[in-house]
C-alpha atoms as a PDB file:
ATOM      1  CA  UNK A   1     -36.858  27.097 -33.726  1.00  0.00           C
ATOM      2  CA  UNK A   2     -34.121  29.581 -33.329  1.00  0.00           C
ATOM      3  CA  UNK A   3     -34.307  32.509 -30.958  1.00  0.00           C
ATOM      4  CA  UNK A   4     -33.109  34.816 -33.718  1.00  0.00           C
ATOM      5  CA  UNK A   5     -36.077  34.195 -35.973  1.00  0.00           C
ATOM      6  CA  UNK A   6     -38.985  33.892 -33.549  1.00  0.00           C
ATOM      7  CA  UNK A   7     -41.863  36.348 -33.702  1.00  0.00           C
ATOM      8  CA  UNK A   8     -43.256  38.175 -30.673  1.00  0.00           C
ATOM      9  CA  UNK A   9     -46.241  35.804 -30.589  1.00  0.00           C
ATOM     10  CA  UNK A  10     -43.951  32.774 -30.659  1.00  0.00           C
ATOM     11  CA  UNK A  11     -41.890  34.338 -27.911  1.00  0.00           C
ATOM     12  CA  UNK A  12     -45.007  34.796 -25.715  1.00  0.00           C
ATOM     13  CA  UNK A  13     -46.002  31.190 -26.324  1.00  0.00           C
ATOM     14  CA  UNK A  14     -42.492  29.914 -25.541  1.00  0.00           C
ATOM     15  CA  UNK A  15     -42.299  31.863 -22.263  1.00  0.00           C
ATOM     16  CA  UNK A  16     -45.756  30.646 -21.235  1.00  0.00           C
ATOM     17  CA  UNK A  17     -44.738  27.047 -21.959  1.00  0.00           C
ATOM     18  CA  UNK A  18     -41.513  27.449 -19.975  1.00  0.00           C
ATOM     19  CA  UNK A  19     -43.359  28.871 -16.968  1.00  0.00           C
ATOM     20  CA  UNK A  20     -45.959  26.122 -17.016  1.00  0.00           C
ATOM     21  CA  UNK A  21     -43.227  23.488 -17.341  1.00  0.00           C
ATOM     22  CA  UNK A  22     -44.327  22.058 -20.670  1.00  0.00           C
ATOM     23  CA  UNK A  23     -41.027  22.753 -22.398  1.00  0.00           C
ATOM     24  CA  UNK A  24     -37.551  23.283 -21.127  1.00  0.00           C
ATOM     25  CA  UNK A  25     -35.780  26.546 -21.565  1.00  0.00           C
ATOM     26  CA  UNK A  26     -34.197  27.121 -24.969  1.00  0.00           C
ATOM     27  CA  UNK A  27     -30.765  28.685 -25.199  1.00  0.00           C
ATOM     28  CA  UNK A  28     -28.621  29.756 -28.110  1.00  0.00           C
ATOM     29  CA  UNK A  29     -25.906  27.208 -27.435  1.00  0.00           C
ATOM     30  CA  UNK A  30     -28.163  24.321 -26.460  1.00  0.00           C
ATOM     31  CA  UNK A  31     -26.803  22.076 -29.184  1.00  0.00           C
ATOM     32  CA  UNK A  32     -23.219  22.999 -28.271  1.00  0.00           C
ATOM     33  CA  UNK A  33     -23.824  22.025 -24.627  1.00  0.00           C
ATOM     34  CA  UNK A  34     -25.302  18.711 -25.706  1.00  0.00           C
ATOM     35  CA  UNK A  35     -22.331  18.044 -27.956  1.00  0.00           C
ATOM     36  CA  UNK A  36     -19.884  18.949 -25.183  1.00  0.00           C
ATOM     37  CA  UNK A  37     -21.650  16.762 -22.643  1.00  0.00           C
ATOM     38  CA  UNK A  38     -21.714  13.899 -25.179  1.00  0.00           C
ATOM     39  CA  UNK A  39     -17.992  14.359 -25.788  1.00  0.00           C
ATOM     40  CA  UNK A  40     -17.281  14.415 -22.040  1.00  0.00           C
ATOM     41  CA  UNK A  41     -19.383  11.312 -21.482  1.00  0.00           C
ATOM     42  CA  UNK A  42     -17.649   9.544 -24.368  1.00  0.00           C
ATOM     43  CA  UNK A  43     -14.217  10.578 -23.023  1.00  0.00           C
ATOM     44  CA  UNK A  44     -15.117   9.236 -19.577  1.00  0.00           C
ATOM     45  CA  UNK A  45     -16.219   5.933 -21.076  1.00  0.00           C
ATOM     46  CA  UNK A  46     -13.006   5.658 -23.101  1.00  0.00           C
ATOM     47  CA  UNK A  47     -10.886   6.517 -20.053  1.00  0.00           C
ATOM     48  CA  UNK A  48     -12.714   3.930 -17.971  1.00  0.00           C
ATOM     49  CA  UNK A  49     -12.193   1.278 -20.666  1.00  0.00           C
ATOM     50  CA  UNK A  50      -8.475   2.111 -20.870  1.00  0.00           C
ATOM     51  CA  UNK A  51      -8.177   2.008 -17.066  1.00  0.00           C
ATOM     52  CA  UNK A  52      -9.844  -1.416 -16.937  1.00  0.00           C
ATOM     53  CA  UNK A  53      -7.560  -2.751 -19.679  1.00  0.00           C
ATOM     54  CA  UNK A  54      -4.437  -1.436 -17.922  1.00  0.00           C
ATOM     55  CA  UNK A  55      -5.505  -2.958 -14.600  1.00  0.00           C
ATOM     56  CA  UNK A  56      -6.267  -6.267 -16.291  1.00  0.00           C
ATOM     57  CA  UNK A  57      -2.894  -6.256 -18.054  1.00  0.00           C
ATOM     58  CA  UNK A  58      -1.115  -5.402 -14.827  1.00  0.00           C
ATOM     59  CA  UNK A  59      -2.804  -8.228 -12.931  1.00  0.00           C
ATOM     60  CA  UNK A  60      -2.081 -10.830 -15.632  1.00  0.00           C
ATOM     61  CA  UNK A  61       1.446  -9.866 -16.706  1.00  0.00           C
ATOM     62  CA  UNK A  62       3.039  -8.540 -13.553  1.00  0.00           C
ATOM     63  CA  UNK A  63       3.365 -10.296 -10.259  1.00  0.00           C
ATOM     64  CA  UNK A  64       1.998  -9.034  -6.988  1.00  0.00           C
ATOM     65  CA  UNK A  65       3.316  -5.802  -5.550  1.00  0.00           C
ATOM     66  CA  UNK A  66       6.494  -5.915  -3.465  1.00  0.00           C
ATOM     67  CA  UNK A  67       4.589  -5.017  -0.322  1.00  0.00           C
ATOM     68  CA  UNK A  68       2.255  -7.970  -0.855  1.00  0.00           C
ATOM     69  CA  UNK A  69       5.208 -10.286  -1.485  1.00  0.00           C
ATOM     70  CA  UNK A  70       6.934  -9.240   1.728  1.00  0.00           C
ATOM     71  CA  UNK A  71       3.808  -9.500   3.855  1.00  0.00           C
ATOM     72  CA  UNK A  72       3.173 -12.981   2.448  1.00  0.00           C
ATOM     73  CA  UNK A  73       6.764 -13.996   3.232  1.00  0.00           C
ATOM     74  CA  UNK A  74       6.484 -12.705   6.794  1.00  0.00           C
ATOM     75  CA  UNK A  75       3.234 -14.538   7.317  1.00  0.00           C
ATOM     76  CA  UNK A  76       4.651 -17.837   6.028  1.00  0.00           C
ATOM     77  CA  UNK A  77       7.871 -17.756   8.117  1.00  0.00           C
ATOM     78  CA  UNK A  78       7.758 -18.829  11.745  1.00  0.00           C
ATOM     79  CA  UNK A  79       8.267 -15.929  14.079  1.00  0.00           C
ATOM     80  CA  UNK A  80      11.788 -15.330  15.284  1.00  0.00           C
ATOM     81  CA  UNK A  81      10.583 -14.372  18.741  1.00  0.00           C
ATOM     82  CA  UNK A  82      10.162 -18.023  19.624  1.00  0.00           C
ATOM     83  CA  UNK A  83      13.941 -18.447  19.813  1.00  0.00           C
ATOM     84  CA  UNK A  84      15.457 -18.811  23.266  1.00  0.00           C
ATOM     85  CA  UNK A  85      15.999 -15.548  25.082  1.00  0.00           C
ATOM     86  CA  UNK A  86      19.596 -14.592  25.784  1.00  0.00           C
ATOM     87  CA  UNK A  87      18.933 -12.871  29.095  1.00  0.00           C
ATOM     88  CA  UNK A  88      16.069 -13.878  31.351  1.00  0.00           C
ATOM     89  CA  UNK A  89      15.556 -11.343  34.117  1.00  0.00           C
ATOM     90  CA  UNK A  90      13.932 -13.652  36.635  1.00  0.00           C
ATOM     91  CA  UNK A  91      16.557 -16.390  36.177  1.00  0.00           C
ATOM     92  CA  UNK A  92      19.603 -14.119  36.148  1.00  0.00           C
ATOM     93  CA  UNK A  93      18.523 -11.906  39.023  1.00  0.00           C
ATOM     94  CA  UNK A  94      17.606 -14.821  41.290  1.00  0.00           C
ATOM     95  CA  UNK A  95      19.696 -15.472  44.410  1.00  0.00           C
ATOM     96  CA  UNK A  96      21.140 -18.754  43.263  1.00  0.00           C
ATOM     97  CA  UNK A  97      23.749 -20.035  40.898  1.00  0.00           C
ATOM     98  CA  UNK A  98      25.448 -16.998  39.428  1.00  0.00           C
ATOM     99  CA  UNK A  99      26.580 -15.075  42.485  1.00  0.00           C
ATOM    100  CA  UNK A 100      30.337 -14.588  42.911  1.00  0.00           C
ATOM    101  CA  UNK A 101      32.061 -16.240  45.751  1.00  0.00           C
ATOM    102  CA  UNK A 102      34.646 -14.331  47.834  1.00  0.00           C
ATOM    103  CA  UNK A 103      37.690 -15.884  46.158  1.00  0.00           C
ATOM    104  CA  UNK A 104      36.594 -14.925  42.658  1.00  0.00           C
ATOM    105  CA  UNK A 105      35.662 -11.432  43.816  1.00  0.00           C
ATOM    106  CA  UNK A 106      39.055 -10.830  45.483  1.00  0.00           C
ATOM    107  CA  UNK A 107      40.866 -12.071  42.373  1.00  0.00           C
ATOM    108  CA  UNK A 108      38.937  -9.636  40.150  1.00  0.00           C
ATOM    109  CA  UNK A 109      39.651  -6.729  42.524  1.00  0.00           C
ATOM    110  CA  UNK A 110      43.369  -7.572  42.554  1.00  0.00           C
ATOM    111  CA  UNK A 111      43.470  -7.614  38.749  1.00  0.00           C
ATOM    112  CA  UNK A 112      41.548  -4.357  38.550  1.00  0.00           C
ATOM    113  CA  UNK A 113      43.944  -2.522  40.902  1.00  0.00           C
ATOM    114  CA  UNK A 114      46.705  -2.755  38.355  1.00  0.00           C
ATOM    115  CA  UNK A 115      44.577  -1.103  35.681  1.00  0.00           C
ATOM    116  CA  UNK A 116      44.134   2.047  37.761  1.00  0.00           C
ATOM    117  CA  UNK A 117      47.674   3.328  37.354  1.00  0.00           C
ATOM    118  CA  UNK A 118      48.186   5.533  34.365  1.00  0.00           C
ATOM    119  CA  UNK A 119      51.468   4.124  33.047  1.00  0.00           C
ATOM    120  CA  UNK A 120      51.368   0.571  34.336  1.00  0.00           C
ATOM    121  CA  UNK A 121      51.001  -2.349  31.978  1.00  0.00           C
ATOM    122  CA  UNK A 122      48.741  -4.360  34.268  1.00  0.00           C
ATOM    123  CA  UNK A 123      49.014  -8.033  35.110  1.00  0.00           C
ATOM    124  CA  UNK A 124      45.911  -9.310  33.351  1.00  0.00           C
ATOM    125  CA  UNK A 125      47.351  -9.206  29.860  1.00  0.00           C
ATOM    126  CA  UNK A 126      45.315  -6.276  28.682  1.00  0.00           C
ATOM    127  CA  UNK A 127      46.881  -3.961  26.145  1.00  0.00           C
END
């Protein structure tokens, strides 16, 4: 039934049914809302199907992402931190082995004295 053509008695009956919960409320654009919701639902289903197809194509045709490739490469390579350390604090700062003796120290001081003058050429062969 259309709201435009209902009689006052039909209107009373419709309102009574709506209040009691027997029928849902009738609106003028009820069919338009149903059509719009059907169209939206259909569009969502089509979009979801397209999205699934694109993801499937991407997985089958393309390789893994660059980030995944690099993380896999890093995981497969042995770590570079296992290489010998250039400077070991405990070994190099210990009191043995690498300390200068007096002769070597005096020789270095003698060579360094010549570098202090502004216009001298120095004896160590530096510039």
